[in-house]
Amino acid sequence: MNKLILPVAIFFSVLISGKIAEHYGLEGNWKIGLLCLVAAAVQIAVSRFQRAQRQKASR
């Protein structure tokens, strides 16, 4: 179950940020860059959260 959290979080965050980018009229490279930044930020955040949970469980 924990292995599915990261892909699902990235999928939904990129989907939502894509809709927001369309609303504001971003196109081309700007939109792709924004989606990549969102995916990277979500990956970092989820990885840190999961690592913190594992460290709490091991204590």
N, C-alpha and C. Protein backbone atom coordinates (compact mmCIF):
# COMPACT_ATOMS: atom_id res chain seq x y z
N MET A 1 0.82 -1.20 0.00
CA MET A 1 0.00 0.00 0.00
C MET A 1 0.86 1.26 0.00
N ASN A 2 1.95 1.26 0.78
CA ASN A 2 2.81 2.44 0.83
C ASN A 2 3.47 2.74 -0.50
N LYS A 3 3.66 1.73 -1.33
CA LYS A 3 4.29 1.95 -2.63
C LYS A 3 3.37 2.70 -3.58
N LEU A 4 2.07 2.70 -3.33
CA LEU A 4 1.12 3.38 -4.20
C LEU A 4 0.91 4.84 -3.84
N ILE A 5 1.35 5.24 -2.66
CA ILE A 5 1.10 6.60 -2.22
C ILE A 5 1.80 7.62 -3.12
N LEU A 6 3.05 7.39 -3.44
CA LEU A 6 3.82 8.35 -4.25
C LEU A 6 3.25 8.52 -5.65
N PRO A 7 3.00 7.44 -6.42
CA PRO A 7 2.45 7.66 -7.76
C PRO A 7 1.07 8.31 -7.75
N VAL A 8 0.24 7.96 -6.79
CA VAL A 8 -1.10 8.56 -6.72
C VAL A 8 -1.00 10.03 -6.36
N ALA A 9 -0.12 10.37 -5.43
CA ALA A 9 0.05 11.76 -5.04
C ALA A 9 0.58 12.60 -6.21
N ILE A 10 1.54 12.06 -6.93
CA ILE A 10 2.07 12.77 -8.10
C ILE A 10 0.99 12.93 -9.16
N PHE A 11 0.23 11.88 -9.42
CA PHE A 11 -0.81 11.94 -10.45
C PHE A 11 -1.82 13.04 -10.15
N PHE A 12 -2.35 13.04 -8.94
CA PHE A 12 -3.38 14.02 -8.61
C PHE A 12 -2.84 15.44 -8.52
N SER A 13 -1.64 15.61 -8.00
CA SER A 13 -1.09 16.95 -7.92
C SER A 13 -0.78 17.52 -9.30
N VAL A 14 -0.28 16.68 -10.20
CA VAL A 14 0.00 17.14 -11.56
C VAL A 14 -1.31 17.42 -12.29
N LEU A 15 -2.31 16.61 -12.07
CA LEU A 15 -3.62 16.83 -12.69
C LEU A 15 -4.21 18.16 -12.23
N ILE A 16 -4.17 18.41 -10.94
CA ILE A 16 -4.72 19.66 -10.41
C ILE A 16 -3.92 20.87 -10.88
N SER A 17 -2.60 20.77 -10.84
CA SER A 17 -1.79 21.91 -11.29
C SER A 17 -1.93 22.13 -12.79
N GLY A 18 -2.16 21.07 -13.55
CA GLY A 18 -2.42 21.24 -14.99
C GLY A 18 -3.70 22.00 -15.25
N LYS A 19 -4.73 21.70 -14.48
CA LYS A 19 -6.00 22.43 -14.62
C LYS A 19 -5.83 23.89 -14.25
N ILE A 20 -5.05 24.14 -13.19
CA ILE A 20 -4.80 25.53 -12.78
C ILE A 20 -3.99 26.26 -13.85
N ALA A 21 -3.00 25.57 -14.43
CA ALA A 21 -2.19 26.18 -15.49
C ALA A 21 -3.04 26.51 -16.72
N GLU A 22 -3.97 25.63 -17.05
CA GLU A 22 -4.87 25.91 -18.17
C GLU A 22 -5.75 27.11 -17.86
N HIS A 23 -6.19 27.22 -16.62
CA HIS A 23 -7.05 28.34 -16.23
C HIS A 23 -6.32 29.67 -16.41
N TYR A 24 -5.05 29.70 -16.07
CA TYR A 24 -4.27 30.92 -16.20
C TYR A 24 -3.65 31.09 -17.59
N GLY A 25 -3.88 30.15 -18.48
CA GLY A 25 -3.44 30.30 -19.85
C GLY A 25 -1.98 29.97 -20.12
N LEU A 26 -1.35 29.21 -19.26
CA LEU A 26 0.04 28.81 -19.52
C LEU A 26 0.06 27.80 -20.66
N GLU A 27 1.06 27.93 -21.51
CA GLU A 27 1.16 27.02 -22.65
C GLU A 27 2.61 26.59 -22.83
N GLY A 28 2.77 25.48 -23.51
CA GLY A 28 4.09 25.02 -23.94
C GLY A 28 5.05 24.72 -22.82
N ASN A 29 6.23 25.30 -22.95
CA ASN A 29 7.33 25.01 -22.02
C ASN A 29 7.02 25.45 -20.60
N TRP A 30 6.27 26.54 -20.44
CA TRP A 30 5.92 27.01 -19.10
C TRP A 30 5.07 25.98 -18.37
N LYS A 31 4.11 25.43 -19.08
CA LYS A 31 3.21 24.45 -18.46
C LYS A 31 3.97 23.17 -18.13
N ILE A 32 4.79 22.71 -19.03
CA ILE A 32 5.58 21.49 -18.79
C ILE A 32 6.54 21.71 -17.63
N GLY A 33 7.18 22.85 -17.59
CA GLY A 33 8.09 23.16 -16.49
C GLY A 33 7.38 23.20 -15.15
N LEU A 34 6.20 23.81 -15.12
CA LEU A 34 5.43 23.86 -13.89
C LEU A 34 5.03 22.46 -13.43
N LEU A 35 4.59 21.62 -14.35
CA LEU A 35 4.19 20.26 -14.00
C LEU A 35 5.38 19.45 -13.49
N CYS A 36 6.54 19.64 -14.06
CA CYS A 36 7.74 18.94 -13.59
C CYS A 36 8.13 19.40 -12.19
N LEU A 37 8.05 20.70 -11.95
CA LEU A 37 8.37 21.22 -10.62
C LEU A 37 7.39 20.70 -9.57
N VAL A 38 6.11 20.64 -9.92
CA VAL A 38 5.11 20.12 -8.99
C VAL A 38 5.39 18.65 -8.69
N ALA A 39 5.68 17.86 -9.72
CA ALA A 39 5.95 16.43 -9.52
C ALA A 39 7.19 16.24 -8.64
N ALA A 40 8.22 17.03 -8.86
CA ALA A 40 9.44 16.91 -8.05
C ALA A 40 9.17 17.31 -6.60
N ALA A 41 8.43 18.38 -6.40
CA ALA A 41 8.12 18.83 -5.04
C ALA A 41 7.30 17.80 -4.29
N VAL A 42 6.33 17.20 -4.98
CA VAL A 42 5.50 16.17 -4.34
C VAL A 42 6.33 14.94 -4.01
N GLN A 43 7.23 14.55 -4.90
CA GLN A 43 8.08 13.40 -4.62
C GLN A 43 8.95 13.64 -3.40
N ILE A 44 9.54 14.81 -3.29
CA ILE A 44 10.38 15.13 -2.14
C ILE A 44 9.55 15.14 -0.86
N ALA A 45 8.38 15.77 -0.91
CA ALA A 45 7.54 15.86 0.28
C ALA A 45 7.06 14.49 0.75
N VAL A 46 6.60 13.67 -0.16
CA VAL A 46 6.10 12.35 0.21
C VAL A 46 7.24 11.47 0.71
N SER A 47 8.38 11.53 0.08
CA SER A 47 9.53 10.73 0.52
C SER A 47 9.97 11.11 1.92
N ARG A 48 10.00 12.40 2.21
CA ARG A 48 10.38 12.84 3.56
C ARG A 48 9.34 12.41 4.59
N PHE A 49 8.07 12.51 4.22
CA PHE A 49 7.00 12.09 5.13
C PHE A 49 7.10 10.60 5.43
N GLN A 50 7.31 9.79 4.38
CA GLN A 50 7.41 8.34 4.58
C GLN A 50 8.65 7.99 5.40
N ARG A 51 9.75 8.68 5.16
CA ARG A 51 10.97 8.41 5.92
C ARG A 51 10.76 8.75 7.41
N ALA A 52 10.07 9.85 7.68
CA ALA A 52 9.79 10.23 9.07
C ALA A 52 8.89 9.19 9.74
N GLN A 53 7.93 8.67 9.01
CA GLN A 53 7.04 7.66 9.57
C GLN A 53 7.80 6.37 9.88
N ARG A 54 8.72 5.98 9.00
CA ARG A 54 9.52 4.78 9.24
C ARG A 54 10.43 4.96 10.45
N GLN A 55 11.00 6.15 10.61
CA GLN A 55 11.88 6.38 11.76
C GLN A 55 11.09 6.38 13.06
N LYS A 56 9.86 6.88 13.04
CA LYS A 56 9.02 6.82 14.23
C LYS A 56 8.67 5.41 14.59
N ALA A 57 8.40 4.59 13.57
CA ALA A 57 8.00 3.19 13.81
C ALA A 57 9.17 2.36 14.34
N SER A 58 10.38 2.70 13.95
CA SER A 58 11.53 1.91 14.37
C SER A 58 11.98 2.25 15.80
N ARG A 59 11.51 3.34 16.33
CA ARG A 59 11.90 3.75 17.70
C ARG A 59 11.17 3.00 18.74
